[in-house]
Amino acid sequence: MVGSELPEGDVVDVVIDVDQWAPVLSQLLASLRDRGNRPVIVYLDESVDDRMKMIALGYKASSPNEPVYQFDIHDYKQTPDWLNPRNWANPELWDKYRW
């Protein structure tokens, strides 16, 4: 899976039934996140409490009570207010302010 493209589809669902977290699991989830270019939903086994590892991989918890995580590149990061044309390389402000 790491070197190949994902099949056509709208969402990639992953069900993980493991007793403990393994490094290969991080690699798989990162690969799906980076190369899939579509939403990924991960259902973890309830016995595995690795919320921080999923968040570190960029997945968001769908519900605080269920071990369901999702990643969608379209809403991965909220655009901060300062990141807009008003504050960056605005030619109208070049003569007004000295940088």
Foldseek 3Di string as FASTA:
>chain_A
DQPDADDDDAEAEEEEDDQEDDPVVLVVVLSCQPRHQHKYKYFYDPNYDDPVSCVVSQWDDPDPVGRMTMDHPVPSDDDDPCPDCVNPPPVVCPVVDDD
